[in-house]
């Protein structure tokens, strides 16, 4: 059972633990388990505009980064770690602008890059594989955000790192936004990283954050992590994607958007206007943990600590 505690008490507990020095990753393995890192490989299809991650020896990807020239970059599909079900949804009828796992900002100097994914808003600069094979693979996408006249106002770089460990995917994002003009991002209830899992009315699912708030109770609330679990097609239990915030991020702990269809994302813009001065670069880091089965809130908090130590 997840107990509700104050945000202050949670931070005291977490940072008291962090103060004790570096703890090896094996200390976070569940009792009786071992850290089992799988070998992954990446294939880049430049013509199709995709970067796909495979388990070594497999022919079907477990994750696909879409990085086409004239479309906002997005990740879809993500296959469950046990290969039972797809964990992302592309442009559902209830939210046509949502494209699996993606980054989109609202009110960027008045212009909306969350609702709009087309080429008159986004222009690819590059898509590159940085580490093609191993227990950790890496890739990068770079896109220009353009204004209504076609001028570049912001260049965003997404650096992704993926590993598979103890039956879970660990997917790290470092987002960098380099301003070509003074940027003002207006206050809004959503904007930034967002995950759309498959959902339809009647589906079993739940959003839970680090302080025990659930579903719409978690809307706009600040938390170090938020987890969304849905019983996707082909499963008898829930498949989960948890997102970890990082203490170095602006406005940590960041408030979260939780919509009526269990779409989830951290959003600095909930708090008010956010500025990036010309020629300055903003850096934001998140980790996504993709897993199946029961949510164990204490285990997620321990994994959050490991993420913080690593960065």
C-alpha atoms as a PDB file:
ATOM      1  CA  UNK A   1       0.000   0.000   0.000  1.00  0.00           C
ATOM      2  CA  UNK A   2       1.245   3.473  -0.854  1.00  0.00           C
ATOM      3  CA  UNK A   3       1.129   5.807   2.124  1.00  0.00           C
ATOM      4  CA  UNK A   4       0.669   9.529   1.704  1.00  0.00           C
ATOM      5  CA  UNK A   5       3.455  11.513   3.313  1.00  0.00           C
ATOM      6  CA  UNK A   6       4.498  15.114   3.034  1.00  0.00           C
ATOM      7  CA  UNK A   7       6.811  16.164   0.227  1.00  0.00           C
ATOM      8  CA  UNK A   8       9.176  17.619   2.844  1.00  0.00           C
ATOM      9  CA  UNK A   9       9.373  14.360   4.785  1.00  0.00           C
ATOM     10  CA  UNK A  10      10.029  12.432   1.597  1.00  0.00           C
ATOM     11  CA  UNK A  11      12.902  14.725   0.587  1.00  0.00           C
ATOM     12  CA  UNK A  12      14.466  14.515   4.050  1.00  0.00           C
ATOM     13  CA  UNK A  13      14.398  10.732   3.852  1.00  0.00           C
ATOM     14  CA  UNK A  14      15.806  10.633   0.325  1.00  0.00           C
ATOM     15  CA  UNK A  15      18.612  13.122   0.765  1.00  0.00           C
ATOM     16  CA  UNK A  16      19.608  11.690   4.139  1.00  0.00           C
ATOM     17  CA  UNK A  17      20.175   8.445   2.281  1.00  0.00           C
ATOM     18  CA  UNK A  18      22.084  10.201  -0.490  1.00  0.00           C
ATOM     19  CA  UNK A  19      24.375  11.880   2.014  1.00  0.00           C
ATOM     20  CA  UNK A  20      25.820   8.537   3.055  1.00  0.00           C
ATOM     21  CA  UNK A  21      28.015   8.293  -0.050  1.00  0.00           C
ATOM     22  CA  UNK A  22      27.857   6.326  -3.281  1.00  0.00           C
ATOM     23  CA  UNK A  23      25.990   3.029  -3.072  1.00  0.00           C
ATOM     24  CA  UNK A  24      26.772   0.434  -5.753  1.00  0.00           C
ATOM     25  CA  UNK A  25      23.920  -0.351  -8.106  1.00  0.00           C
ATOM     26  CA  UNK A  26      23.777  -3.954  -6.845  1.00  0.00           C
ATOM     27  CA  UNK A  27      22.598  -2.615  -3.498  1.00  0.00           C
ATOM     28  CA  UNK A  28      19.299  -1.747  -5.147  1.00  0.00           C
ATOM     29  CA  UNK A  29      18.576  -5.209  -6.496  1.00  0.00           C
ATOM     30  CA  UNK A  30      15.633  -6.920  -4.854  1.00  0.00           C
ATOM     31  CA  UNK A  31      16.584  -9.647  -2.394  1.00  0.00           C
ATOM     32  CA  UNK A  32      17.491 -12.819  -4.257  1.00  0.00           C
ATOM     33  CA  UNK A  33      17.797 -11.072  -7.637  1.00  0.00           C
ATOM     34  CA  UNK A  34      20.810 -10.213  -9.763  1.00  0.00           C
ATOM     35  CA  UNK A  35      21.567  -7.322 -12.072  1.00  0.00           C
ATOM     36  CA  UNK A  36      21.188  -8.822 -15.543  1.00  0.00           C
ATOM     37  CA  UNK A  37      22.157  -6.348 -18.244  1.00  0.00           C
ATOM     38  CA  UNK A  38      21.069  -7.387 -21.722  1.00  0.00           C
ATOM     39  CA  UNK A  39      23.112  -6.646 -24.829  1.00  0.00           C
ATOM     40  CA  UNK A  40      21.310  -4.284 -27.186  1.00  0.00           C
ATOM     41  CA  UNK A  41      21.979  -3.070 -30.714  1.00  0.00           C
ATOM     42  CA  UNK A  42      20.750  -0.107 -32.765  1.00  0.00           C
ATOM     43  CA  UNK A  43      19.910   0.070 -36.453  1.00  0.00           C
ATOM     44  CA  UNK A  44      19.539   3.436 -38.201  1.00  0.00           C
ATOM     45  CA  UNK A  45      17.366   3.505 -41.316  1.00  0.00           C
ATOM     46  CA  UNK A  46      18.124   6.945 -42.723  1.00  0.00           C
ATOM     47  CA  UNK A  47      15.651   6.625 -45.583  1.00  0.00           C
ATOM     48  CA  UNK A  48      12.746   5.766 -43.248  1.00  0.00           C
ATOM     49  CA  UNK A  49      13.945   8.196 -40.587  1.00  0.00           C
ATOM     50  CA  UNK A  50      14.007   5.600 -37.803  1.00  0.00           C
ATOM     51  CA  UNK A  51      16.460   4.515 -35.131  1.00  0.00           C
ATOM     52  CA  UNK A  52      15.450   1.091 -33.791  1.00  0.00           C
ATOM     53  CA  UNK A  53      16.699  -0.747 -30.699  1.00  0.00           C
ATOM     54  CA  UNK A  54      16.901  -4.547 -30.735  1.00  0.00           C
ATOM     55  CA  UNK A  55      17.927  -7.199 -28.260  1.00  0.00           C
ATOM     56  CA  UNK A  56      21.045  -8.947 -29.527  1.00  0.00           C
ATOM     57  CA  UNK A  57      20.070 -11.612 -32.037  1.00  0.00           C
ATOM     58  CA  UNK A  58      16.446 -10.467 -32.398  1.00  0.00           C
ATOM     59  CA  UNK A  59      14.859  -9.257 -35.640  1.00  0.00           C
ATOM     60  CA  UNK A  60      11.977  -7.259 -34.136  1.00  0.00           C
ATOM     61  CA  UNK A  61      12.800  -3.948 -32.389  1.00  0.00           C
ATOM     62  CA  UNK A  62      11.743  -3.308 -28.799  1.00  0.00           C
ATOM     63  CA  UNK A  63      11.789   0.489 -29.267  1.00  0.00           C
ATOM     64  CA  UNK A  64      11.710   2.768 -32.290  1.00  0.00           C
ATOM     65  CA  UNK A  65      12.777   6.416 -32.414  1.00  0.00           C
ATOM     66  CA  UNK A  66      11.066   8.221 -35.281  1.00  0.00           C
ATOM     67  CA  UNK A  67      13.202  11.100 -36.542  1.00  0.00           C
ATOM     68  CA  UNK A  68      11.847  12.197 -39.893  1.00  0.00           C
ATOM     69  CA  UNK A  69      12.888  15.407 -41.590  1.00  0.00           C
ATOM     70  CA  UNK A  70       9.629  17.320 -41.322  1.00  0.00           C
ATOM     71  CA  UNK A  71       7.909  15.827 -38.253  1.00  0.00           C
ATOM     72  CA  UNK A  72       8.485  16.286 -34.525  1.00  0.00           C
ATOM     73  CA  UNK A  73      10.668  13.434 -33.187  1.00  0.00           C
ATOM     74  CA  UNK A  74       8.883  10.780 -31.162  1.00  0.00           C
ATOM     75  CA  UNK A  75       9.351   7.263 -29.806  1.00  0.00           C
ATOM     76  CA  UNK A  76       6.788   4.655 -30.869  1.00  0.00           C
ATOM     77  CA  UNK A  77       6.312   1.811 -30.441  1.00  0.00           C
ATOM     78  CA  UNK A  78       7.816   0.602 -27.173  1.00  0.00           C
ATOM     79  CA  UNK A  79       7.313  -3.147 -26.714  1.00  0.00           C
ATOM     80  CA  UNK A  80       6.825  -4.430 -23.150  1.00  0.00           C
ATOM     81  CA  UNK A  81      10.015  -5.942 -21.677  1.00  0.00           C
ATOM     82  CA  UNK A  82       8.342  -9.386 -21.637  1.00  0.00           C
ATOM     83  CA  UNK A  83       7.097  -8.747 -25.221  1.00  0.00           C
ATOM     84  CA  UNK A  84       3.425  -8.871 -24.162  1.00  0.00           C
ATOM     85  CA  UNK A  85       1.874  -5.730 -25.549  1.00  0.00           C
ATOM     86  CA  UNK A  86       2.732  -2.305 -26.954  1.00  0.00           C
ATOM     87  CA  UNK A  87       3.167   0.463 -24.386  1.00  0.00           C
ATOM     88  CA  UNK A  88       2.820   3.570 -26.565  1.00  0.00           C
ATOM     89  CA  UNK A  89       0.045   4.878 -28.793  1.00  0.00           C
ATOM     90  CA  UNK A  90       0.380   7.090 -31.878  1.00  0.00           C
ATOM     91  CA  UNK A  91      -2.211   9.810 -32.464  1.00  0.00           C
ATOM     92  CA  UNK A  92      -5.232   8.342 -30.600  1.00  0.00           C
ATOM     93  CA  UNK A  93      -8.641   9.679 -31.624  1.00  0.00           C
ATOM     94  CA  UNK A  94      -9.027  11.545 -28.347  1.00  0.00           C
ATOM     95  CA  UNK A  95      -5.668  13.350 -28.771  1.00  0.00           C
ATOM     96  CA  UNK A  96      -4.511  13.373 -32.402  1.00  0.00           C
ATOM     97  CA  UNK A  97      -1.445  15.491 -31.617  1.00  0.00           C
ATOM     98  CA  UNK A  98      -0.015  12.924 -29.177  1.00  0.00           C
ATOM     99  CA  UNK A  99       2.651  10.673 -30.654  1.00  0.00           C
ATOM    100  CA  UNK A 100       3.775   8.017 -28.168  1.00  0.00           C
ATOM    101  CA  UNK A 101       6.686   9.370 -26.141  1.00  0.00           C
ATOM    102  CA  UNK A 102       7.653  12.884 -27.230  1.00  0.00           C
ATOM    103  CA  UNK A 103       8.714  16.384 -26.199  1.00  0.00           C
ATOM    104  CA  UNK A 104       6.514  19.365 -27.086  1.00  0.00           C
ATOM    105  CA  UNK A 105       6.420  22.833 -25.536  1.00  0.00           C
ATOM    106  CA  UNK A 106       3.463  25.214 -25.361  1.00  0.00           C
ATOM    107  CA  UNK A 107       3.387  28.960 -26.005  1.00  0.00           C
ATOM    108  CA  UNK A 108       6.999  29.287 -27.192  1.00  0.00           C
ATOM    109  CA  UNK A 109       6.952  33.031 -27.896  1.00  0.00           C
ATOM    110  CA  UNK A 110       3.242  32.444 -28.406  1.00  0.00           C
ATOM    111  CA  UNK A 111       3.641  29.439 -30.730  1.00  0.00           C
ATOM    112  CA  UNK A 112       2.397  25.915 -29.894  1.00  0.00           C
ATOM    113  CA  UNK A 113       4.853  23.044 -30.450  1.00  0.00           C
ATOM    114  CA  UNK A 114       2.880  20.585 -28.299  1.00  0.00           C
ATOM    115  CA  UNK A 115      -0.244  20.459 -30.447  1.00  0.00           C
ATOM    116  CA  UNK A 116       1.678  20.867 -33.717  1.00  0.00           C
ATOM    117  CA  UNK A 117       4.133  18.243 -34.949  1.00  0.00           C
ATOM    118  CA  UNK A 118       4.317  19.243 -38.629  1.00  0.00           C
ATOM    119  CA  UNK A 119       7.177  20.504 -40.740  1.00  0.00           C
ATOM    120  CA  UNK A 120       6.153  24.149 -40.506  1.00  0.00           C
ATOM    121  CA  UNK A 121       7.017  23.940 -36.803  1.00  0.00           C
ATOM    122  CA  UNK A 122       9.865  21.386 -36.719  1.00  0.00           C
ATOM    123  CA  UNK A 123      12.884  20.882 -38.956  1.00  0.00           C
ATOM    124  CA  UNK A 124      15.391  18.091 -38.471  1.00  0.00           C
ATOM    125  CA  UNK A 125      19.057  19.009 -38.222  1.00  0.00           C
ATOM    126  CA  UNK A 126      20.445  15.524 -37.549  1.00  0.00           C
ATOM    127  CA  UNK A 127      19.707  12.046 -36.188  1.00  0.00           C
ATOM    128  CA  UNK A 128      22.746  10.104 -35.037  1.00  0.00           C
ATOM    129  CA  UNK A 129      23.562   6.798 -33.346  1.00  0.00           C
ATOM    130  CA  UNK A 130      26.201   7.459 -30.682  1.00  0.00           C
ATOM    131  CA  UNK A 131      26.689   3.947 -29.285  1.00  0.00           C
ATOM    132  CA  UNK A 132      25.484   1.167 -31.581  1.00  0.00           C
ATOM    133  CA  UNK A 133      25.894  -1.977 -29.496  1.00  0.00           C
ATOM    134  CA  UNK A 134      26.434  -3.051 -25.907  1.00  0.00           C
ATOM    135  CA  UNK A 135      24.739  -3.105 -22.532  1.00  0.00           C
ATOM    136  CA  UNK A 136      24.026   0.586 -23.091  1.00  0.00           C
ATOM    137  CA  UNK A 137      23.074   2.131 -26.427  1.00  0.00           C
ATOM    138  CA  UNK A 138      22.809   5.837 -27.244  1.00  0.00           C
ATOM    139  CA  UNK A 139      21.367   8.054 -29.953  1.00  0.00           C
ATOM    140  CA  UNK A 140      20.712  11.726 -30.540  1.00  0.00           C
ATOM    141  CA  UNK A 141      18.186  13.847 -32.413  1.00  0.00           C
ATOM    142  CA  UNK A 142      18.623  17.562 -33.144  1.00  0.00           C
ATOM    143  CA  UNK A 143      15.712  19.681 -34.397  1.00  0.00           C
ATOM    144  CA  UNK A 144      15.117  23.357 -35.026  1.00  0.00           C
ATOM    145  CA  UNK A 145      11.879  24.929 -33.836  1.00  0.00           C
ATOM    146  CA  UNK A 146      10.847  27.491 -36.428  1.00  0.00           C
ATOM    147  CA  UNK A 147       8.510  30.467 -36.196  1.00  0.00           C
ATOM    148  CA  UNK A 148       5.682  31.421 -38.548  1.00  0.00           C
ATOM    149  CA  UNK A 149       8.199  33.024 -40.930  1.00  0.00           C
ATOM    150  CA  UNK A 150      10.469  29.975 -40.983  1.00  0.00           C
ATOM    151  CA  UNK A 151      13.167  31.502 -38.768  1.00  0.00           C
ATOM    152  CA  UNK A 152      14.889  29.318 -36.177  1.00  0.00           C
ATOM    153  CA  UNK A 153      14.052  30.364 -32.627  1.00  0.00           C
ATOM    154  CA  UNK A 154      15.237  27.325 -30.630  1.00  0.00           C
ATOM    155  CA  UNK A 155      17.372  24.281 -31.350  1.00  0.00           C
ATOM    156  CA  UNK A 156      16.557  21.248 -29.218  1.00  0.00           C
ATOM    157  CA  UNK A 157      18.884  18.294 -28.738  1.00  0.00           C
ATOM    158  CA  UNK A 158      17.595  15.029 -27.308  1.00  0.00           C
ATOM    159  CA  UNK A 159      20.276  12.636 -26.075  1.00  0.00           C
ATOM    160  CA  UNK A 160      18.810   9.207 -25.339  1.00  0.00           C
ATOM    161  CA  UNK A 161      20.471   6.312 -23.485  1.00  0.00           C
ATOM    162  CA  UNK A 162      18.872   2.879 -23.110  1.00  0.00           C
ATOM    163  CA  UNK A 163      19.737  -0.251 -21.166  1.00  0.00           C
ATOM    164  CA  UNK A 164      17.806  -3.341 -20.055  1.00  0.00           C
ATOM    165  CA  UNK A 165      18.281  -4.421 -16.471  1.00  0.00           C
ATOM    166  CA  UNK A 166      16.433  -7.021 -14.371  1.00  0.00           C
ATOM    167  CA  UNK A 167      13.553  -7.197 -16.838  1.00  0.00           C
ATOM    168  CA  UNK A 168      13.141  -3.402 -17.046  1.00  0.00           C
ATOM    169  CA  UNK A 169      14.120  -0.823 -19.624  1.00  0.00           C
ATOM    170  CA  UNK A 170      15.975   2.207 -18.296  1.00  0.00           C
ATOM    171  CA  UNK A 171      15.593   5.038 -20.761  1.00  0.00           C
ATOM    172  CA  UNK A 172      17.427   8.285 -19.992  1.00  0.00           C
ATOM    173  CA  UNK A 173      16.771  11.600 -21.694  1.00  0.00           C
ATOM    174  CA  UNK A 174      18.993  14.670 -21.620  1.00  0.00           C
ATOM    175  CA  UNK A 175      17.137  17.529 -23.317  1.00  0.00           C
ATOM    176  CA  UNK A 176      18.983  20.696 -24.304  1.00  0.00           C
ATOM    177  CA  UNK A 177      17.257  23.802 -25.618  1.00  0.00           C
ATOM    178  CA  UNK A 178      19.522  26.411 -27.209  1.00  0.00           C
ATOM    179  CA  UNK A 179      17.802  29.765 -27.720  1.00  0.00           C
ATOM    180  CA  UNK A 180      18.510  31.752 -30.915  1.00  0.00           C
ATOM    181  CA  UNK A 181      16.289  34.588 -29.675  1.00  0.00           C
ATOM    182  CA  UNK A 182      14.939  35.476 -26.250  1.00  0.00           C
ATOM    183  CA  UNK A 183      12.468  32.709 -25.482  1.00  0.00           C
ATOM    184  CA  UNK A 184       9.412  33.001 -23.264  1.00  0.00           C
ATOM    185  CA  UNK A 185       7.365  29.888 -22.568  1.00  0.00           C
ATOM    186  CA  UNK A 186       3.982  30.920 -21.212  1.00  0.00           C
ATOM    187  CA  UNK A 187       2.179  29.414 -18.271  1.00  0.00           C
ATOM    188  CA  UNK A 188       0.134  26.376 -19.298  1.00  0.00           C
ATOM    189  CA  UNK A 189      -1.093  23.092 -17.807  1.00  0.00           C
ATOM    190  CA  UNK A 190       1.114  20.971 -20.073  1.00  0.00           C
ATOM    191  CA  UNK A 191       4.376  21.293 -21.999  1.00  0.00           C
ATOM    192  CA  UNK A 192       7.599  19.285 -22.179  1.00  0.00           C
ATOM    193  CA  UNK A 193       8.070  15.506 -21.999  1.00  0.00           C
ATOM    194  CA  UNK A 194       4.856  13.499 -22.396  1.00  0.00           C
ATOM    195  CA  UNK A 195       3.916   9.824 -22.599  1.00  0.00           C
ATOM    196  CA  UNK A 196       0.786   8.478 -24.244  1.00  0.00           C
ATOM    197  CA  UNK A 197       0.104   4.833 -23.389  1.00  0.00           C
ATOM    198  CA  UNK A 198      -2.751   2.967 -25.121  1.00  0.00           C
ATOM    199  CA  UNK A 199      -5.999   3.712 -23.290  1.00  0.00           C
ATOM    200  CA  UNK A 200      -9.715   3.477 -23.955  1.00  0.00           C
ATOM    201  CA  UNK A 201     -12.741   3.828 -21.665  1.00  0.00           C
ATOM    202  CA  UNK A 202     -13.095   0.835 -19.374  1.00  0.00           C
ATOM    203  CA  UNK A 203      -9.407  -0.096 -19.427  1.00  0.00           C
ATOM    204  CA  UNK A 204      -7.798  -0.866 -16.085  1.00  0.00           C
ATOM    205  CA  UNK A 205      -5.144   1.736 -15.298  1.00  0.00           C
ATOM    206  CA  UNK A 206      -3.793   4.089 -12.685  1.00  0.00           C
ATOM    207  CA  UNK A 207      -1.425   7.015 -12.245  1.00  0.00           C
ATOM    208  CA  UNK A 208       0.449   7.186  -8.924  1.00  0.00           C
ATOM    209  CA  UNK A 209       3.108   9.674  -7.841  1.00  0.00           C
ATOM    210  CA  UNK A 210       5.879   9.490  -5.241  1.00  0.00           C
ATOM    211  CA  UNK A 211       3.718  10.952  -2.469  1.00  0.00           C
ATOM    212  CA  UNK A 212       0.781   8.607  -3.081  1.00  0.00           C
ATOM    213  CA  UNK A 213      -1.528  10.876  -5.069  1.00  0.00           C
ATOM    214  CA  UNK A 214      -3.518   9.041  -7.725  1.00  0.00           C
ATOM    215  CA  UNK A 215      -5.014   9.875 -11.116  1.00  0.00           C
ATOM    216  CA  UNK A 216      -6.476  13.394 -11.272  1.00  0.00           C
ATOM    217  CA  UNK A 217      -5.427  13.961  -7.658  1.00  0.00           C
ATOM    218  CA  UNK A 218      -1.858  14.057  -9.041  1.00  0.00           C
ATOM    219  CA  UNK A 219      -2.688  16.700 -11.672  1.00  0.00           C
ATOM    220  CA  UNK A 220      -0.493  19.778 -11.218  1.00  0.00           C
ATOM    221  CA  UNK A 221       1.199  18.326  -8.119  1.00  0.00           C
ATOM    222  CA  UNK A 222       4.952  18.276  -7.563  1.00  0.00           C
ATOM    223  CA  UNK A 223       6.651  14.893  -7.147  1.00  0.00           C
ATOM    224  CA  UNK A 224      10.051  13.309  -7.759  1.00  0.00           C
ATOM    225  CA  UNK A 225       8.471  10.557  -9.853  1.00  0.00           C
ATOM    226  CA  UNK A 226       5.144   9.632 -11.387  1.00  0.00           C
ATOM    227  CA  UNK A 227       4.111   6.178 -12.627  1.00  0.00           C
ATOM    228  CA  UNK A 228       1.403   5.290 -15.142  1.00  0.00           C
ATOM    229  CA  UNK A 229       0.239   1.686 -15.399  1.00  0.00           C
ATOM    230  CA  UNK A 230      -2.317   0.358 -17.891  1.00  0.00           C
ATOM    231  CA  UNK A 231      -3.519  -3.147 -18.733  1.00  0.00           C
ATOM    232  CA  UNK A 232      -2.682  -3.012 -22.408  1.00  0.00           C
ATOM    233  CA  UNK A 233      -3.937  -5.532 -24.945  1.00  0.00           C
ATOM    234  CA  UNK A 234      -2.367  -8.958 -24.471  1.00  0.00           C
ATOM    235  CA  UNK A 235      -1.772  -8.643 -20.716  1.00  0.00           C
ATOM    236  CA  UNK A 236      -3.419  -9.888 -17.511  1.00  0.00           C
ATOM    237  CA  UNK A 237      -1.492  -7.387 -15.383  1.00  0.00           C
ATOM    238  CA  UNK A 238      -0.401  -3.778 -15.778  1.00  0.00           C
ATOM    239  CA  UNK A 239       2.443  -2.475 -17.887  1.00  0.00           C
ATOM    240  CA  UNK A 240       4.106   0.603 -16.387  1.00  0.00           C
ATOM    241  CA  UNK A 241       6.159   3.581 -17.412  1.00  0.00           C
ATOM    242  CA  UNK A 242       7.567   5.615 -14.527  1.00  0.00           C
ATOM    243  CA  UNK A 243       9.237   8.983 -15.121  1.00  0.00           C
ATOM    244  CA  UNK A 244      11.901  10.273 -12.711  1.00  0.00           C
ATOM    245  CA  UNK A 245      12.580  13.968 -12.208  1.00  0.00           C
ATOM    246  CA  UNK A 246      16.137  15.168 -11.443  1.00  0.00           C
ATOM    247  CA  UNK A 247      17.221  17.608  -8.683  1.00  0.00           C
ATOM    248  CA  UNK A 248      19.211  19.715 -11.165  1.00  0.00           C
ATOM    249  CA  UNK A 249      16.108  20.406 -13.260  1.00  0.00           C
ATOM    250  CA  UNK A 250      14.438  23.783 -13.176  1.00  0.00           C
ATOM    251  CA  UNK A 251      11.622  23.875 -10.581  1.00  0.00           C
ATOM    252  CA  UNK A 252      12.458  20.468  -9.055  1.00  0.00           C
ATOM    253  CA  UNK A 253      10.312  18.727  -7.967  1.00  0.00           C
ATOM    254  CA  UNK A 254       8.432  19.489 -11.151  1.00  0.00           C
ATOM    255  CA  UNK A 255       4.610  19.498 -11.236  1.00  0.00           C
ATOM    256  CA  UNK A 256       2.907  16.938 -13.473  1.00  0.00           C
ATOM    257  CA  UNK A 257       0.215  16.948 -16.104  1.00  0.00           C
ATOM    258  CA  UNK A 258      -2.193  13.999 -15.735  1.00  0.00           C
ATOM    259  CA  UNK A 259      -4.994  14.024 -18.296  1.00  0.00           C
ATOM    260  CA  UNK A 260      -8.334  12.196 -18.285  1.00  0.00           C
ATOM    261  CA  UNK A 261      -6.972   9.356 -20.443  1.00  0.00           C
ATOM    262  CA  UNK A 262      -3.919   8.739 -18.194  1.00  0.00           C
ATOM    263  CA  UNK A 263      -1.497  10.699 -20.348  1.00  0.00           C
ATOM    264  CA  UNK A 264       1.359  11.916 -18.155  1.00  0.00           C
ATOM    265  CA  UNK A 265       4.248  14.358 -18.294  1.00  0.00           C
ATOM    266  CA  UNK A 266       6.304  16.680 -16.069  1.00  0.00           C
ATOM    267  CA  UNK A 267       5.780  20.343 -16.963  1.00  0.00           C
ATOM    268  CA  UNK A 268       7.713  23.383 -15.771  1.00  0.00           C
ATOM    269  CA  UNK A 269       5.140  25.533 -17.558  1.00  0.00           C
ATOM    270  CA  UNK A 270       2.467  24.664 -14.981  1.00  0.00           C
ATOM    271  CA  UNK A 271       4.257  26.984 -12.537  1.00  0.00           C
ATOM    272  CA  UNK A 272       4.300  30.046 -14.785  1.00  0.00           C
ATOM    273  CA  UNK A 273       6.380  31.718 -17.477  1.00  0.00           C
ATOM    274  CA  UNK A 274       9.739  30.101 -18.188  1.00  0.00           C
ATOM    275  CA  UNK A 275      12.446  32.094 -19.976  1.00  0.00           C
ATOM    276  CA  UNK A 276      15.546  31.017 -21.904  1.00  0.00           C
ATOM    277  CA  UNK A 277      17.631  34.094 -22.822  1.00  0.00           C
ATOM    278  CA  UNK A 278      19.148  34.378 -26.300  1.00  0.00           C
ATOM    279  CA  UNK A 279      22.292  32.222 -26.746  1.00  0.00           C
ATOM    280  CA  UNK A 280      21.618  30.411 -23.459  1.00  0.00           C
ATOM    281  CA  UNK A 281      21.022  26.656 -23.209  1.00  0.00           C
ATOM    282  CA  UNK A 282      18.594  24.969 -20.824  1.00  0.00           C
ATOM    283  CA  UNK A 283      19.316  21.356 -19.815  1.00  0.00           C
ATOM    284  CA  UNK A 284      16.701  18.994 -18.371  1.00  0.00           C
ATOM    285  CA  UNK A 285      17.151  15.305 -17.465  1.00  0.00           C
ATOM    286  CA  UNK A 286      14.636  12.529 -16.906  1.00  0.00           C
ATOM    287  CA  UNK A 287      14.735   8.755 -16.584  1.00  0.00           C
ATOM    288  CA  UNK A 288      11.924   6.447 -17.687  1.00  0.00           C
ATOM    289  CA  UNK A 289      11.604   2.994 -16.145  1.00  0.00           C
ATOM    290  CA  UNK A 290       9.550   0.591 -18.256  1.00  0.00           C
ATOM    291  CA  UNK A 291       8.361  -2.545 -16.455  1.00  0.00           C
ATOM    292  CA  UNK A 292       5.430  -4.897 -15.891  1.00  0.00           C
ATOM    293  CA  UNK A 293       3.583  -6.239 -12.856  1.00  0.00           C
ATOM    294  CA  UNK A 294       2.907  -4.559  -9.525  1.00  0.00           C
ATOM    295  CA  UNK A 295       3.991  -1.042  -8.669  1.00  0.00           C
ATOM    296  CA  UNK A 296       6.362  -1.005  -5.699  1.00  0.00           C
ATOM    297  CA  UNK A 297       6.684   2.612  -4.610  1.00  0.00           C
ATOM    298  CA  UNK A 298       9.669   1.997  -2.299  1.00  0.00           C
ATOM    299  CA  UNK A 299      11.503   0.253  -5.127  1.00  0.00           C
ATOM    300  CA  UNK A 300      10.896   3.166  -7.490  1.00  0.00           C
ATOM    301  CA  UNK A 301      12.246   5.628  -4.924  1.00  0.00           C
ATOM    302  CA  UNK A 302      15.386   3.508  -4.545  1.00  0.00           C
ATOM    303  CA  UNK A 303      15.783   3.462  -8.311  1.00  0.00           C
ATOM    304  CA  UNK A 304      15.276   7.231  -8.364  1.00  0.00           C
ATOM    305  CA  UNK A 305      18.238   7.558  -5.949  1.00  0.00           C
ATOM    306  CA  UNK A 306      20.402   5.525  -8.325  1.00  0.00           C
ATOM    307  CA  UNK A 307      19.426   7.801 -11.209  1.00  0.00           C
ATOM    308  CA  UNK A 308      20.408  10.854  -9.178  1.00  0.00           C
ATOM    309  CA  UNK A 309      23.799   9.311  -8.326  1.00  0.00           C
ATOM    310  CA  UNK A 310      24.468   8.537 -11.980  1.00  0.00           C
ATOM    311  CA  UNK A 311      23.922  12.147 -13.088  1.00  0.00           C
END
